[in-house]
Amino acid sequence: MATNKLKGKIAEAGYSQRSLALELGMSKNTLNSKVNGKIPFNTVEIERICEKLGIHDGAEKASIFLG
C-alpha cells in the first residue's frame, strides 16, 4: 500500500485521520493501523474511503491500495 499517497489524499480532502475515522465509523487507532499497513483494509472500507476522498479512478485506487 502507498501509505504516503493515502495520507496525502486524506489531508488534501481536508480530513485528519481522526475525522476520517469518525466518518467511517471506526476508531482513530484502527484507521491509523490500517493506513500504516499493520492491518489490511477490506474492500468495503476501501470503497468508503475512496468515496469520502473523491477518488473515482480505478488506476488511482490501485496505485494507493495495491501499490
C-alpha atoms as a PDB file:
ATOM      1  CA  MET A   1       0.000   0.000   0.000  1.00  0.00           C
ATOM      2  CA  ALA A   2       1.166   3.533  -0.776  1.00  0.00           C
ATOM      3  CA  THR A   3       0.918   4.927   2.748  1.00  0.00           C
ATOM      4  CA  ASN A   4       2.267   8.383   1.947  1.00  0.00           C
ATOM      5  CA  LYS A   5      -0.037   8.754  -1.047  1.00  0.00           C
ATOM      6  CA  LEU A   6      -3.061   7.814   1.082  1.00  0.00           C
ATOM      7  CA  LYS A   7      -2.021  10.221   3.849  1.00  0.00           C
ATOM      8  CA  GLY A   8      -1.667  12.955   1.232  1.00  0.00           C
ATOM      9  CA  LYS A   9      -5.135  12.247  -0.147  1.00  0.00           C
ATOM     10  CA  ILE A  10      -6.610  12.349   3.362  1.00  0.00           C
ATOM     11  CA  ALA A  11      -5.043  15.764   4.008  1.00  0.00           C
ATOM     12  CA  GLU A  12      -5.924  17.031   0.506  1.00  0.00           C
ATOM     13  CA  ALA A  13      -9.588  16.201   1.152  1.00  0.00           C
ATOM     14  CA  GLY A  14      -9.480  18.226   4.374  1.00  0.00           C
ATOM     15  CA  TYR A  15      -9.570  15.317   6.803  1.00  0.00           C
ATOM     16  CA  SER A  16      -7.359  14.286   9.663  1.00  0.00           C
ATOM     17  CA  GLN A  17      -7.102  10.579  10.405  1.00  0.00           C
ATOM     18  CA  ARG A  18      -9.313  11.214  13.436  1.00  0.00           C
ATOM     19  CA  SER A  19     -12.053  12.986  11.438  1.00  0.00           C
ATOM     20  CA  LEU A  20     -11.955  10.412   8.635  1.00  0.00           C
ATOM     21  CA  ALA A  21     -12.156   7.593  11.170  1.00  0.00           C
ATOM     22  CA  LEU A  22     -15.292   9.186  12.652  1.00  0.00           C
ATOM     23  CA  GLU A  23     -16.836   9.443   9.170  1.00  0.00           C
ATOM     24  CA  LEU A  24     -16.069   5.763   8.577  1.00  0.00           C
ATOM     25  CA  GLY A  25     -17.331   4.603  11.978  1.00  0.00           C
ATOM     26  CA  MET A  26     -14.007   3.233  13.203  1.00  0.00           C
ATOM     27  CA  SER A  27     -11.581   4.285  15.875  1.00  0.00           C
ATOM     28  CA  LYS A  28      -8.654   6.552  15.059  1.00  0.00           C
ATOM     29  CA  ASN A  29      -6.292   3.810  16.237  1.00  0.00           C
ATOM     30  CA  THR A  30      -7.845   1.267  13.875  1.00  0.00           C
ATOM     31  CA  LEU A  31      -7.662   3.636  10.907  1.00  0.00           C
ATOM     32  CA  ASN A  32      -4.070   4.525  11.782  1.00  0.00           C
ATOM     33  CA  SER A  33      -3.114   0.842  11.911  1.00  0.00           C
ATOM     34  CA  LYS A  34      -4.742   0.277   8.527  1.00  0.00           C
ATOM     35  CA  VAL A  35      -3.172   3.365   6.928  1.00  0.00           C
ATOM     36  CA  ASN A  36       0.239   2.267   8.182  1.00  0.00           C
ATOM     37  CA  GLY A  37      -0.186  -1.262   6.812  1.00  0.00           C
ATOM     38  CA  LYS A  38      -0.385  -3.096  10.134  1.00  0.00           C
ATOM     39  CA  ILE A  39      -3.962  -4.267   9.457  1.00  0.00           C
ATOM     40  CA  PRO A  40      -5.360  -4.669   5.911  1.00  0.00           C
ATOM     41  CA  PHE A  41      -8.336  -2.697   4.641  1.00  0.00           C
ATOM     42  CA  ASN A  42     -11.271  -4.727   3.367  1.00  0.00           C
ATOM     43  CA  THR A  43     -12.906  -3.865   0.045  1.00  0.00           C
ATOM     44  CA  VAL A  44     -15.899  -2.135   1.648  1.00  0.00           C
ATOM     45  CA  GLU A  45     -13.571   0.122   3.659  1.00  0.00           C
ATOM     46  CA  ILE A  46     -11.548   0.953   0.541  1.00  0.00           C
ATOM     47  CA  GLU A  47     -14.697   1.909  -1.366  1.00  0.00           C
ATOM     48  CA  ARG A  48     -15.962   4.079   1.503  1.00  0.00           C
ATOM     49  CA  ILE A  49     -12.590   5.807   1.877  1.00  0.00           C
ATOM     50  CA  CYS A  50     -12.404   6.460  -1.856  1.00  0.00           C
ATOM     51  CA  GLU A  51     -15.916   7.882  -1.787  1.00  0.00           C
ATOM     52  CA  LYS A  52     -15.053  10.232   1.100  1.00  0.00           C
ATOM     53  CA  LEU A  53     -11.766  11.312  -0.502  1.00  0.00           C
ATOM     54  CA  GLY A  54     -13.187  11.741  -4.009  1.00  0.00           C
ATOM     55  CA  ILE A  55     -11.051   9.009  -5.560  1.00  0.00           C
ATOM     56  CA  HIS A  56     -13.011   7.637  -8.523  1.00  0.00           C
ATOM     57  CA  ASP A  57     -10.329   6.464 -10.935  1.00  0.00           C
ATOM     58  CA  GLY A  58      -9.645   2.731 -10.719  1.00  0.00           C
ATOM     59  CA  ALA A  59      -5.974   3.159 -11.560  1.00  0.00           C
ATOM     60  CA  GLU A  60      -5.575   5.702  -8.754  1.00  0.00           C
ATOM     61  CA  LYS A  61      -7.319   3.373  -6.286  1.00  0.00           C
ATOM     62  CA  ALA A  62      -5.000   0.567  -7.324  1.00  0.00           C
ATOM     63  CA  SER A  63      -1.910   2.752  -7.032  1.00  0.00           C
ATOM     64  CA  ILE A  64      -2.851   3.664  -3.462  1.00  0.00           C
ATOM     65  CA  PHE A  65      -4.242   0.418  -2.086  1.00  0.00           C
ATOM     66  CA  LEU A  66      -2.321  -2.126  -4.156  1.00  0.00           C
ATOM     67  CA  GLY A  67       0.898  -0.143  -4.651  1.00  0.00           C
END
